[in-house]
Amino acid sequence: MKWFLIFWAGPIVFLGGWYWLSYYDMSFGIFMLSRQVHDLTFELYGKALGIPPETIPPLVARAIAVDSLVVFAIIGLRKRKSIIAWWKARQALNSSPSDLASKESLSSAP
């Protein structure tokens, strides 16, 4: 499961880091992080897909969000027994009968 998360998060962090650094032209002397490469990359993808280049980043963000939901659903399915046990223990701690019937919690209205 650890490797599954690493192989999922690694490309997302790499893509996000490249996008953010190249968008703000923080190249540190590396050509791949320059704004020219950023614009050229999205121009090429836009021509290949037949869509305007400025619509690509929201599409990628939406795809990452959907993929993240799928990954967390898989993790939830694999760990559902421990999640259910944690939830039941938490609910048992929060709803003790002595807390519900204390004098401070009762209304003084007629």
PDB file of N, CA and C in Angstrom:
ATOM      1  N   MET A   1       0.830  -1.189   0.000  1.00  0.00           N
ATOM      2  CA  MET A   1       0.000   0.000   0.000  1.00  0.00           C
ATOM      3  C   MET A   1       0.877   1.257   0.000  1.00  0.00           C
ATOM      4  N   LYS A   2       2.015   1.180   0.696  1.00  0.00           N
ATOM      5  CA  LYS A   2       2.916   2.323   0.742  1.00  0.00           C
ATOM      6  C   LYS A   2       3.433   2.660  -0.658  1.00  0.00           C
ATOM      7  N   TRP A   3       3.801   1.637  -1.414  1.00  0.00           N
ATOM      8  CA  TRP A   3       4.313   1.871  -2.768  1.00  0.00           C
ATOM      9  C   TRP A   3       3.215   2.376  -3.691  1.00  0.00           C
ATOM     10  N   PHE A   4       2.006   1.905  -3.464  1.00  0.00           N
ATOM     11  CA  PHE A   4       0.868   2.390  -4.238  1.00  0.00           C
ATOM     12  C   PHE A   4       0.708   3.895  -4.049  1.00  0.00           C
ATOM     13  N   LEU A   5       0.791   4.363  -2.815  1.00  0.00           N
ATOM     14  CA  LEU A   5       0.673   5.793  -2.541  1.00  0.00           C
ATOM     15  C   LEU A   5       1.863   6.581  -3.084  1.00  0.00           C
ATOM     16  N   ILE A   6       3.042   5.999  -3.012  1.00  0.00           N
ATOM     17  CA  ILE A   6       4.229   6.683  -3.542  1.00  0.00           C
ATOM     18  C   ILE A   6       4.116   6.842  -5.060  1.00  0.00           C
ATOM     19  N   PHE A   7       3.709   5.772  -5.747  1.00  0.00           N
ATOM     20  CA  PHE A   7       3.582   5.854  -7.210  1.00  0.00           C
ATOM     21  C   PHE A   7       2.402   6.712  -7.648  1.00  0.00           C
ATOM     22  N   TRP A   8       1.453   6.942  -6.753  1.00  0.00           N
ATOM     23  CA  TRP A   8       0.343   7.851  -7.062  1.00  0.00           C
ATOM     24  C   TRP A   8       0.757   9.297  -6.795  1.00  0.00           C
ATOM     25  N   ALA A   9       1.358   9.561  -5.639  1.00  0.00           N
ATOM     26  CA  ALA A   9       1.673  10.932  -5.252  1.00  0.00           C
ATOM     27  C   ALA A   9       2.912  11.480  -5.964  1.00  0.00           C
ATOM     28  N   GLY A  10       3.850  10.632  -6.308  1.00  0.00           N
ATOM     29  CA  GLY A  10       5.089  11.090  -6.938  1.00  0.00           C
ATOM     30  C   GLY A  10       4.863  11.895  -8.213  1.00  0.00           C
ATOM     31  N   PRO A  11       4.153  11.348  -9.191  1.00  0.00           N
ATOM     32  CA  PRO A  11       3.907  12.122 -10.413  1.00  0.00           C
ATOM     33  C   PRO A  11       3.074  13.388 -10.181  1.00  0.00           C
ATOM     34  N   ILE A  12       2.137  13.330  -9.220  1.00  0.00           N
ATOM     35  CA  ILE A  12       1.326  14.516  -8.938  1.00  0.00           C
ATOM     36  C   ILE A  12       2.189  15.628  -8.357  1.00  0.00           C
ATOM     37  N   VAL A  13       3.069  15.284  -7.433  1.00  0.00           N
ATOM     38  CA  VAL A  13       3.967  16.283  -6.841  1.00  0.00           C
ATOM     39  C   VAL A  13       4.924  16.819  -7.899  1.00  0.00           C
ATOM     40  N   PHE A  14       5.458  15.930  -8.745  1.00  0.00           N
ATOM     41  CA  PHE A  14       6.375  16.364  -9.801  1.00  0.00           C
ATOM     42  C   PHE A  14       5.677  17.310 -10.776  1.00  0.00           C
ATOM     43  N   LEU A  15       4.481  16.941 -11.237  1.00  0.00           N
ATOM     44  CA  LEU A  15       3.742  17.784 -12.173  1.00  0.00           C
ATOM     45  C   LEU A  15       3.351  19.108 -11.530  1.00  0.00           C
ATOM     46  N   GLY A  16       2.866  19.054 -10.292  1.00  0.00           N
ATOM     47  CA  GLY A  16       2.492  20.286  -9.595  1.00  0.00           C
ATOM     48  C   GLY A  16       3.678  21.207  -9.372  1.00  0.00           C
ATOM     49  N   GLY A  17       4.821  20.624  -9.007  1.00  0.00           N
ATOM     50  CA  GLY A  17       6.029  21.426  -8.812  1.00  0.00           C
ATOM     51  C   GLY A  17       6.500  22.070 -10.102  1.00  0.00           C
ATOM     52  N   TRP A  18       6.509  21.274 -11.175  1.00  0.00           N
ATOM     53  CA  TRP A  18       6.914  21.836 -12.465  1.00  0.00           C
ATOM     54  C   TRP A  18       5.954  22.939 -12.898  1.00  0.00           C
ATOM     55  N   TYR A  19       4.657  22.689 -12.773  1.00  0.00           N
ATOM     56  CA  TYR A  19       3.671  23.676 -13.214  1.00  0.00           C
ATOM     57  C   TYR A  19       3.827  24.977 -12.435  1.00  0.00           C
ATOM     58  N   TRP A  20       3.938  24.881 -11.123  1.00  0.00           N
ATOM     59  CA  TRP A  20       4.029  26.081 -10.293  1.00  0.00           C
ATOM     60  C   TRP A  20       5.318  26.859 -10.560  1.00  0.00           C
ATOM     61  N   LEU A  21       6.442  26.146 -10.624  1.00  0.00           N
ATOM     62  CA  LEU A  21       7.718  26.829 -10.871  1.00  0.00           C
ATOM     63  C   LEU A  21       7.768  27.443 -12.268  1.00  0.00           C
ATOM     64  N   SER A  22       7.285  26.720 -13.278  1.00  0.00           N
ATOM     65  CA  SER A  22       7.349  27.263 -14.632  1.00  0.00           C
ATOM     66  C   SER A  22       6.308  28.359 -14.841  1.00  0.00           C
ATOM     67  N   TYR A  23       5.161  28.279 -14.183  1.00  0.00           N
ATOM     68  CA  TYR A  23       4.131  29.304 -14.321  1.00  0.00           C
ATOM     69  C   TYR A  23       4.642  30.648 -13.800  1.00  0.00           C
ATOM     70  N   TYR A  24       5.356  30.604 -12.683  1.00  0.00           N
ATOM     71  CA  TYR A  24       5.902  31.827 -12.098  1.00  0.00           C
ATOM     72  C   TYR A  24       7.331  32.108 -12.552  1.00  0.00           C
ATOM     73  N   ASP A  25       7.833  31.355 -13.539  1.00  0.00           N
ATOM     74  CA  ASP A  25       9.147  31.545 -14.157  1.00  0.00           C
ATOM     75  C   ASP A  25      10.267  31.529 -13.124  1.00  0.00           C
ATOM     76  N   MET A  26      10.205  30.595 -12.206  1.00  0.00           N
ATOM     77  CA  MET A  26      11.276  30.394 -11.229  1.00  0.00           C
ATOM     78  C   MET A  26      12.173  29.286 -11.766  1.00  0.00           C
ATOM     79  N   SER A  27      13.006  29.619 -12.734  1.00  0.00           N
ATOM     80  CA  SER A  27      13.738  28.590 -13.461  1.00  0.00           C
ATOM     81  C   SER A  27      15.028  28.160 -12.783  1.00  0.00           C
ATOM     82  N   PHE A  28      15.618  28.983 -11.919  1.00  0.00           N
ATOM     83  CA  PHE A  28      16.893  28.662 -11.250  1.00  0.00           C
ATOM     84  C   PHE A  28      17.958  28.260 -12.260  1.00  0.00           C
ATOM     85  N   GLY A  29      17.878  28.795 -13.471  1.00  0.00           N
ATOM     86  CA  GLY A  29      18.849  28.489 -14.516  1.00  0.00           C
ATOM     87  C   GLY A  29      18.553  27.207 -15.277  1.00  0.00           C
ATOM     88  N   ILE A  30      17.451  26.545 -14.977  1.00  0.00           N
ATOM     89  CA  ILE A  30      17.079  25.299 -15.657  1.00  0.00           C
ATOM     90  C   ILE A  30      16.045  25.650 -16.724  1.00  0.00           C
ATOM     91  N   PHE A  31      16.346  25.303 -17.967  1.00  0.00           N
ATOM     92  CA  PHE A  31      15.476  25.680 -19.072  1.00  0.00           C
ATOM     93  C   PHE A  31      14.087  25.061 -18.951  1.00  0.00           C
ATOM     94  N   MET A  32      13.988  23.834 -18.427  1.00  0.00           N
ATOM     95  CA  MET A  32      12.691  23.151 -18.326  1.00  0.00           C
ATOM     96  C   MET A  32      11.739  23.860 -17.361  1.00  0.00           C
ATOM     97  N   LEU A  33      12.247  24.715 -16.488  1.00  0.00           N
ATOM     98  CA  LEU A  33      11.397  25.426 -15.538  1.00  0.00           C
ATOM     99  C   LEU A  33      11.069  26.846 -15.987  1.00  0.00           C
ATOM    100  N   SER A  34      11.442  27.195 -17.219  1.00  0.00           N
ATOM    101  CA  SER A  34      11.191  28.555 -17.691  1.00  0.00           C
ATOM    102  C   SER A  34       9.755  28.700 -18.203  1.00  0.00           C
ATOM    103  N   ARG A  35       9.314  29.927 -18.260  1.00  0.00           N
ATOM    104  CA  ARG A  35       7.956  30.213 -18.738  1.00  0.00           C
ATOM    105  C   ARG A  35       7.814  29.885 -20.223  1.00  0.00           C
ATOM    106  N   GLN A  36       8.905  29.976 -20.981  1.00  0.00           N
ATOM    107  CA  GLN A  36       8.858  29.629 -22.404  1.00  0.00           C
ATOM    108  C   GLN A  36       8.480  28.164 -22.598  1.00  0.00           C
ATOM    109  N   VAL A  37       9.085  27.292 -21.808  1.00  0.00           N
ATOM    110  CA  VAL A  37       8.773  25.864 -21.915  1.00  0.00           C
ATOM    111  C   VAL A  37       7.339  25.609 -21.451  1.00  0.00           C
ATOM    112  N   HIS A  38       6.917  26.317 -20.431  1.00  0.00           N
ATOM    113  CA  HIS A  38       5.547  26.193 -19.935  1.00  0.00           C
ATOM    114  C   HIS A  38       4.549  26.520 -21.050  1.00  0.00           C
ATOM    115  N   ASP A  39       4.730  27.668 -21.679  1.00  0.00           N
ATOM    116  CA  ASP A  39       3.814  28.086 -22.745  1.00  0.00           C
ATOM    117  C   ASP A  39       3.889  27.148 -23.947  1.00  0.00           C
ATOM    118  N   LEU A  40       5.103  26.736 -24.313  1.00  0.00           N
ATOM    119  CA  LEU A  40       5.269  25.827 -25.445  1.00  0.00           C
ATOM    120  C   LEU A  40       4.614  24.470 -25.171  1.00  0.00           C
ATOM    121  N   THR A  41       4.762  23.970 -23.957  1.00  0.00           N
ATOM    122  CA  THR A  41       4.166  22.680 -23.601  1.00  0.00           C
ATOM    123  C   THR A  41       2.652  22.719 -23.757  1.00  0.00           C
ATOM    124  N   PHE A  42       2.025  23.739 -23.193  1.00  0.00           N
ATOM    125  CA  PHE A  42       0.571  23.803 -23.279  1.00  0.00           C
ATOM    126  C   PHE A  42       0.097  24.143 -24.687  1.00  0.00           C
ATOM    127  N   GLU A  43       0.912  24.853 -25.440  1.00  0.00           N
ATOM    128  CA  GLU A  43       0.557  25.121 -26.839  1.00  0.00           C
ATOM    129  C   GLU A  43       0.583  23.825 -27.648  1.00  0.00           C
ATOM    130  N   LEU A  44       1.606  22.994 -27.431  1.00  0.00           N
ATOM    131  CA  LEU A  44       1.683  21.716 -28.140  1.00  0.00           C
ATOM    132  C   LEU A  44       0.535  20.785 -27.749  1.00  0.00           C
ATOM    133  N   TYR A  45       0.263  20.689 -26.459  1.00  0.00           N
ATOM    134  CA  TYR A  45      -0.851  19.849 -26.024  1.00  0.00           C
ATOM    135  C   TYR A  45      -2.178  20.384 -26.559  1.00  0.00           C
ATOM    136  N   GLY A  46      -2.331  21.687 -26.582  1.00  0.00           N
ATOM    137  CA  GLY A  46      -3.555  22.280 -27.107  1.00  0.00           C
ATOM    138  C   GLY A  46      -3.762  21.958 -28.576  1.00  0.00           C
ATOM    139  N   LYS A  47      -2.682  22.035 -29.356  1.00  0.00           N
ATOM    140  CA  LYS A  47      -2.789  21.702 -30.782  1.00  0.00           C
ATOM    141  C   LYS A  47      -3.052  20.214 -30.977  1.00  0.00           C
ATOM    142  N   ALA A  48      -2.411  19.377 -30.169  1.00  0.00           N
ATOM    143  CA  ALA A  48      -2.606  17.930 -30.305  1.00  0.00           C
ATOM    144  C   ALA A  48      -4.028  17.522 -29.939  1.00  0.00           C
ATOM    145  N   LEU A  49      -4.592  18.180 -28.928  1.00  0.00           N
ATOM    146  CA  LEU A  49      -5.942  17.838 -28.488  1.00  0.00           C
ATOM    147  C   LEU A  49      -7.021  18.624 -29.212  1.00  0.00           C
ATOM    148  N   GLY A  50      -6.627  19.702 -29.883  1.00  0.00           N
ATOM    149  CA  GLY A  50      -7.593  20.529 -30.603  1.00  0.00           C
ATOM    150  C   GLY A  50      -8.408  21.428 -29.685  1.00  0.00           C
ATOM    151  N   ILE A  51      -7.832  21.824 -28.567  1.00  0.00           N
ATOM    152  CA  ILE A  51      -8.516  22.714 -27.624  1.00  0.00           C
ATOM    153  C   ILE A  51      -7.601  23.879 -27.287  1.00  0.00           C
ATOM    154  N   PRO A  52      -8.142  24.987 -26.782  1.00  0.00           N
ATOM    155  CA  PRO A  52      -7.289  26.103 -26.403  1.00  0.00           C
ATOM    156  C   PRO A  52      -6.350  25.723 -25.248  1.00  0.00           C
ATOM    157  N   PRO A  53      -5.111  26.183 -25.291  1.00  0.00           N
ATOM    158  CA  PRO A  53      -4.136  25.802 -24.256  1.00  0.00           C
ATOM    159  C   PRO A  53      -4.533  26.213 -22.839  1.00  0.00           C
ATOM    160  N   GLU A  54      -5.295  27.285 -22.688  1.00  0.00           N
ATOM    161  CA  GLU A  54      -5.645  27.736 -21.341  1.00  0.00           C
ATOM    162  C   GLU A  54      -6.693  26.845 -20.669  1.00  0.00           C
ATOM    163  N   THR A  55      -7.317  25.943 -21.432  1.00  0.00           N
ATOM    164  CA  THR A  55      -8.291  25.035 -20.832  1.00  0.00           C
ATOM    165  C   THR A  55      -7.664  23.745 -20.313  1.00  0.00           C
ATOM    166  N   ILE A  56      -6.406  23.517 -20.600  1.00  0.00           N
ATOM    167  CA  ILE A  56      -5.762  22.266 -20.201  1.00  0.00           C
ATOM    168  C   ILE A  56      -5.505  22.186 -18.693  1.00  0.00           C
ATOM    169  N   PRO A  57      -4.964  23.214 -18.023  1.00  0.00           N
ATOM    170  CA  PRO A  57      -4.719  23.075 -16.575  1.00  0.00           C
ATOM    171  C   PRO A  57      -5.960  22.743 -15.740  1.00  0.00           C
ATOM    172  N   PRO A  58      -7.141  23.341 -15.991  1.00  0.00           N
ATOM    173  CA  PRO A  58      -8.306  22.903 -15.212  1.00  0.00           C
ATOM    174  C   PRO A  58      -8.712  21.450 -15.489  1.00  0.00           C
ATOM    175  N   LEU A  59      -8.510  21.000 -16.729  1.00  0.00           N
ATOM    176  CA  LEU A  59      -8.816  19.608 -17.045  1.00  0.00           C
ATOM    177  C   LEU A  59      -7.889  18.658 -16.303  1.00  0.00           C
ATOM    178  N   VAL A  60      -6.621  19.023 -16.227  1.00  0.00           N
ATOM    179  CA  VAL A  60      -5.651  18.190 -15.499  1.00  0.00           C
ATOM    180  C   VAL A  60      -5.979  18.189 -14.009  1.00  0.00           C
ATOM    181  N   ALA A  61      -6.335  19.343 -13.465  1.00  0.00           N
ATOM    182  CA  ALA A  61      -6.688  19.426 -12.044  1.00  0.00           C
ATOM    183  C   ALA A  61      -7.913  18.564 -11.741  1.00  0.00           C
ATOM    184  N   ARG A  62      -8.890  18.579 -12.630  1.00  0.00           N
ATOM    185  CA  ARG A  62     -10.091  17.754 -12.438  1.00  0.00           C
ATOM    186  C   ARG A  62      -9.733  16.267 -12.510  1.00  0.00           C
ATOM    187  N   ALA A  63      -8.858  15.898 -13.422  1.00  0.00           N
ATOM    188  CA  ALA A  63      -8.440  14.499 -13.534  1.00  0.00           C
ATOM    189  C   ALA A  63      -7.690  14.057 -12.280  1.00  0.00           C
ATOM    190  N   ILE A  64      -6.847  14.922 -11.740  1.00  0.00           N
ATOM    191  CA  ILE A  64      -6.129  14.594 -10.508  1.00  0.00           C
ATOM    192  C   ILE A  64      -7.107  14.432  -9.353  1.00  0.00           C
ATOM    193  N   ALA A  65      -8.124  15.282  -9.286  1.00  0.00           N
ATOM    194  CA  ALA A  65      -9.119  15.175  -8.218  1.00  0.00           C
ATOM    195  C   ALA A  65      -9.887  13.857  -8.307  1.00  0.00           C
ATOM    196  N   VAL A  66     -10.296  13.472  -9.502  1.00  0.00           N
ATOM    197  CA  VAL A  66     -11.026  12.209  -9.672  1.00  0.00           C
ATOM    198  C   VAL A  66     -10.124  11.026  -9.338  1.00  0.00           C
ATOM    199  N   ASP A  67      -8.886  11.053  -9.811  1.00  0.00           N
ATOM    200  CA  ASP A  67      -7.953   9.974  -9.495  1.00  0.00           C
ATOM    201  C   ASP A  67      -7.705   9.884  -7.991  1.00  0.00           C
ATOM    202  N   SER A  68      -7.618  11.028  -7.332  1.00  0.00           N
ATOM    203  CA  SER A  68      -7.410  11.036  -5.883  1.00  0.00           C
ATOM    204  C   SER A  68      -8.598  10.422  -5.156  1.00  0.00           C
ATOM    205  N   LEU A  69      -9.804  10.722  -5.609  1.00  0.00           N
ATOM    206  CA  LEU A  69     -10.988  10.110  -5.002  1.00  0.00           C
ATOM    207  C   LEU A  69     -10.970   8.592  -5.177  1.00  0.00           C
ATOM    208  N   VAL A  70     -10.569   8.126  -6.336  1.00  0.00           N
ATOM    209  CA  VAL A  70     -10.490   6.684  -6.574  1.00  0.00           C
ATOM    210  C   VAL A  70      -9.439   6.054  -5.661  1.00  0.00           C
ATOM    211  N   VAL A  71      -8.286   6.692  -5.522  1.00  0.00           N
ATOM    212  CA  VAL A  71      -7.223   6.164  -4.663  1.00  0.00           C
ATOM    213  C   VAL A  71      -7.687   6.104  -3.212  1.00  0.00           C
ATOM    214  N   PHE A  72      -8.320   7.169  -2.715  1.00  0.00           N
ATOM    215  CA  PHE A  72      -8.782   7.162  -1.332  1.00  0.00           C
ATOM    216  C   PHE A  72      -9.934   6.182  -1.122  1.00  0.00           C
ATOM    217  N   ALA A  73     -10.744   5.942  -2.146  1.00  0.00           N
ATOM    218  CA  ALA A  73     -11.789   4.923  -2.040  1.00  0.00           C
ATOM    219  C   ALA A  73     -11.177   3.530  -1.937  1.00  0.00           C
ATOM    220  N   ILE A  74     -10.136   3.273  -2.683  1.00  0.00           N
ATOM    221  CA  ILE A  74      -9.441   1.984  -2.600  1.00  0.00           C
ATOM    222  C   ILE A  74      -8.831   1.806  -1.218  1.00  0.00           C
ATOM    223  N   ILE A  75      -8.204   2.866  -0.701  1.00  0.00           N
ATOM    224  CA  ILE A  75      -7.619   2.788   0.642  1.00  0.00           C
ATOM    225  C   ILE A  75      -8.714   2.564   1.683  1.00  0.00           C
ATOM    226  N   GLY A  76      -9.834   3.255   1.539  1.00  0.00           N
ATOM    227  CA  GLY A  76     -10.943   3.076   2.466  1.00  0.00           C
ATOM    228  C   GLY A  76     -11.504   1.666   2.424  1.00  0.00           C
ATOM    229  N   LEU A  77     -11.599   1.079   1.236  1.00  0.00           N
ATOM    230  CA  LEU A  77     -12.073  -0.298   1.131  1.00  0.00           C
ATOM    231  C   LEU A  77     -11.113  -1.279   1.792  1.00  0.00           C
ATOM    232  N   ARG A  78      -9.834  -1.062   1.608  1.00  0.00           N
ATOM    233  CA  ARG A  78      -8.852  -1.966   2.186  1.00  0.00           C
ATOM    234  C   ARG A  78      -8.782  -1.854   3.701  1.00  0.00           C
ATOM    235  N   LYS A  79      -9.057  -0.691   4.239  1.00  0.00           N
ATOM    236  CA  LYS A  79      -8.949  -0.472   5.679  1.00  0.00           C
ATOM    237  C   LYS A  79     -10.307  -0.262   6.338  1.00  0.00           C
ATOM    238  N   ARG A  80     -11.362  -0.752   5.731  1.00  0.00           N
ATOM    239  CA  ARG A  80     -12.704  -0.462   6.239  1.00  0.00           C
ATOM    240  C   ARG A  80     -12.953  -1.026   7.621  1.00  0.00           C
ATOM    241  N   LYS A  81     -12.381  -2.172   7.979  1.00  0.00           N
ATOM    242  CA  LYS A  81     -12.596  -2.738   9.307  1.00  0.00           C
ATOM    243  C   LYS A  81     -12.006  -1.853  10.391  1.00  0.00           C
ATOM    244  N   SER A  82     -10.800  -1.379  10.174  1.00  0.00           N
ATOM    245  CA  SER A  82     -10.186  -0.508  11.185  1.00  0.00           C
ATOM    246  C   SER A  82     -10.865   0.853  11.230  1.00  0.00           C
ATOM    247  N   ILE A  83     -11.356   1.337  10.103  1.00  0.00           N
ATOM    248  CA  ILE A  83     -12.070   2.617  10.086  1.00  0.00           C
ATOM    249  C   ILE A  83     -13.395   2.489  10.832  1.00  0.00           C
ATOM    250  N   ILE A  84     -14.118   1.385  10.626  1.00  0.00           N
ATOM    251  CA  ILE A  84     -15.389   1.174  11.323  1.00  0.00           C
ATOM    252  C   ILE A  84     -15.162   1.031  12.826  1.00  0.00           C
ATOM    253  N   ALA A  85     -14.109   0.303  13.218  1.00  0.00           N
ATOM    254  CA  ALA A  85     -13.807   0.152  14.643  1.00  0.00           C
ATOM    255  C   ALA A  85     -13.454   1.499  15.267  1.00  0.00           C
ATOM    256  N   TRP A  86     -12.675   2.308  14.565  1.00  0.00           N
ATOM    257  CA  TRP A  86     -12.329   3.639  15.074  1.00  0.00           C
ATOM    258  C   TRP A  86     -13.584   4.503  15.225  1.00  0.00           C
ATOM    259  N   TRP A  87     -14.481   4.444  14.232  1.00  0.00           N
ATOM    260  CA  TRP A  87     -15.696   5.252  14.271  1.00  0.00           C
ATOM    261  C   TRP A  87     -16.601   4.838  15.432  1.00  0.00           C
ATOM    262  N   LYS A  88     -16.762   3.530  15.651  1.00  0.00           N
ATOM    263  CA  LYS A  88     -17.599   3.054  16.753  1.00  0.00           C
ATOM    264  C   LYS A  88     -17.004   3.450  18.101  1.00  0.00           C
ATOM    265  N   ALA A  89     -15.684   3.363  18.242  1.00  0.00           N
ATOM    266  CA  ALA A  89     -15.038   3.771  19.496  1.00  0.00           C
ATOM    267  C   ALA A  89     -15.209   5.268  19.720  1.00  0.00           C
ATOM    268  N   ARG A  90     -15.121   6.041  18.689  1.00  0.00           N
ATOM    269  CA  ARG A  90     -15.288   7.490  18.813  1.00  0.00           C
ATOM    270  C   ARG A  90     -16.720   7.845  19.198  1.00  0.00           C
ATOM    271  N   GLN A  91     -17.691   7.174  18.584  1.00  0.00           N
ATOM    272  CA  GLN A  91     -19.085   7.438  18.904  1.00  0.00           C
ATOM    273  C   GLN A  91     -19.417   7.008  20.331  1.00  0.00           C
ATOM    274  N   ALA A  92     -18.810   5.923  20.790  1.00  0.00           N
ATOM    275  CA  ALA A  92     -19.065   5.457  22.152  1.00  0.00           C
ATOM    276  C   ALA A  92     -18.525   6.454  23.177  1.00  0.00           C
ATOM    277  N   LEU A  93     -17.404   7.087  22.875  1.00  0.00           N
ATOM    278  CA  LEU A  93     -16.832   8.083  23.792  1.00  0.00           C
ATOM    279  C   LEU A  93     -17.655   9.363  23.817  1.00  0.00           C
ATOM    280  N   ASN A  94     -18.213   9.739  22.691  1.00  0.00           N
ATOM    281  CA  ASN A  94     -18.933  11.013  22.592  1.00  0.00           C
ATOM    282  C   ASN A  94     -20.357  10.959  23.122  1.00  0.00           C
ATOM    283  N   SER A  95     -20.952   9.783  23.263  1.00  0.00           N
ATOM    284  CA  SER A  95     -22.361   9.726  23.651  1.00  0.00           C
ATOM    285  C   SER A  95     -22.575   8.916  24.925  1.00  0.00           C
ATOM    286  N   SER A  96     -21.884   9.265  25.982  1.00  0.00           N
ATOM    287  CA  SER A  96     -22.127   8.580  27.249  1.00  0.00           C
ATOM    288  C   SER A  96     -23.395   9.145  27.881  1.00  0.00           C
ATOM    289  N   PRO A  97     -24.266   8.304  28.500  1.00  0.00           N
ATOM    290  CA  PRO A  97     -25.550   8.761  29.029  1.00  0.00           C
ATOM    291  C   PRO A  97     -25.414   9.769  30.170  1.00  0.00           C
ATOM    292  N   SER A  98     -24.330   9.740  30.921  1.00  0.00           N
ATOM    293  CA  SER A  98     -24.185  10.679  32.032  1.00  0.00           C
ATOM    294  C   SER A  98     -24.014  12.113  31.546  1.00  0.00           C
ATOM    295  N   ASP A  99     -23.423  12.302  30.383  1.00  0.00           N
ATOM    296  CA  ASP A  99     -23.255  13.654  29.847  1.00  0.00           C
ATOM    297  C   ASP A  99     -24.574  14.239  29.363  1.00  0.00           C
ATOM    298  N   LEU A 100     -25.466  13.402  28.895  1.00  0.00           N
ATOM    299  CA  LEU A 100     -26.707  13.894  28.315  1.00  0.00           C
ATOM    300  C   LEU A 100     -27.691  14.390  29.370  1.00  0.00           C
ATOM    301  N   ALA A 101     -27.661  13.824  30.576  1.00  0.00           N
ATOM    302  CA  ALA A 101     -28.667  14.156  31.581  1.00  0.00           C
ATOM    303  C   ALA A 101     -28.095  14.986  32.734  1.00  0.00           C
ATOM    304  N   SER A 102     -27.061  15.740  32.498  1.00  0.00           N
ATOM    305  CA  SER A 102     -26.499  16.545  33.585  1.00  0.00           C
ATOM    306  C   SER A 102     -27.361  17.774  33.838  1.00  0.00           C
ATOM    307  N   LYS A 103     -27.212  18.360  35.028  1.00  0.00           N
ATOM    308  CA  LYS A 103     -28.003  19.527  35.406  1.00  0.00           C
ATOM    309  C   LYS A 103     -27.693  20.732  34.518  1.00  0.00           C
ATOM    310  N   GLU A 104     -26.435  20.869  34.077  1.00  0.00           N
ATOM    311  CA  GLU A 104     -26.049  22.020  33.260  1.00  0.00           C
ATOM    312  C   GLU A 104     -26.661  21.966  31.865  1.00  0.00           C
ATOM    313  N   SER A 105     -26.950  20.764  31.371  1.00  0.00           N
ATOM    314  CA  SER A 105     -27.459  20.656  30.014  1.00  0.00           C
ATOM    315  C   SER A 105     -28.986  20.792  29.938  1.00  0.00           C
ATOM    316  N   LEU A 106     -29.648  20.737  31.080  1.00  0.00           N
ATOM    317  CA  LEU A 106     -31.114  20.862  31.090  1.00  0.00           C
ATOM    318  C   LEU A 106     -31.536  22.307  31.014  1.00  0.00           C
ATOM    319  N   SER A 107     -32.649  22.559  30.384  1.00  0.00           N
ATOM    320  CA  SER A 107     -33.168  23.901  30.232  1.00  0.00           C
ATOM    321  C   SER A 107     -33.871  24.338  31.512  1.00  0.00           C
ATOM    322  N   SER A 108     -33.815  25.619  31.806  1.00  0.00           N
ATOM    323  CA  SER A 108     -34.514  26.154  32.976  1.00  0.00           C
ATOM    324  C   SER A 108     -35.811  26.859  32.575  1.00  0.00           C
ATOM    325  N   ALA A 109     -36.210  26.642  31.339  1.00  0.00           N
ATOM    326  CA  ALA A 109     -37.453  27.280  30.869  1.00  0.00           C
ATOM    327  C   ALA A 109     -38.655  26.603  31.490  1.00  0.00           C
ATOM    328  N   PRO A 110     -39.759  27.346  31.720  1.00  0.00           N
ATOM    329  CA  PRO A 110     -40.942  26.734  32.357  1.00  0.00           C
ATOM    330  C   PRO A 110     -41.637  25.743  31.451  1.00  0.00           C
TER     331      PRO A 110
END
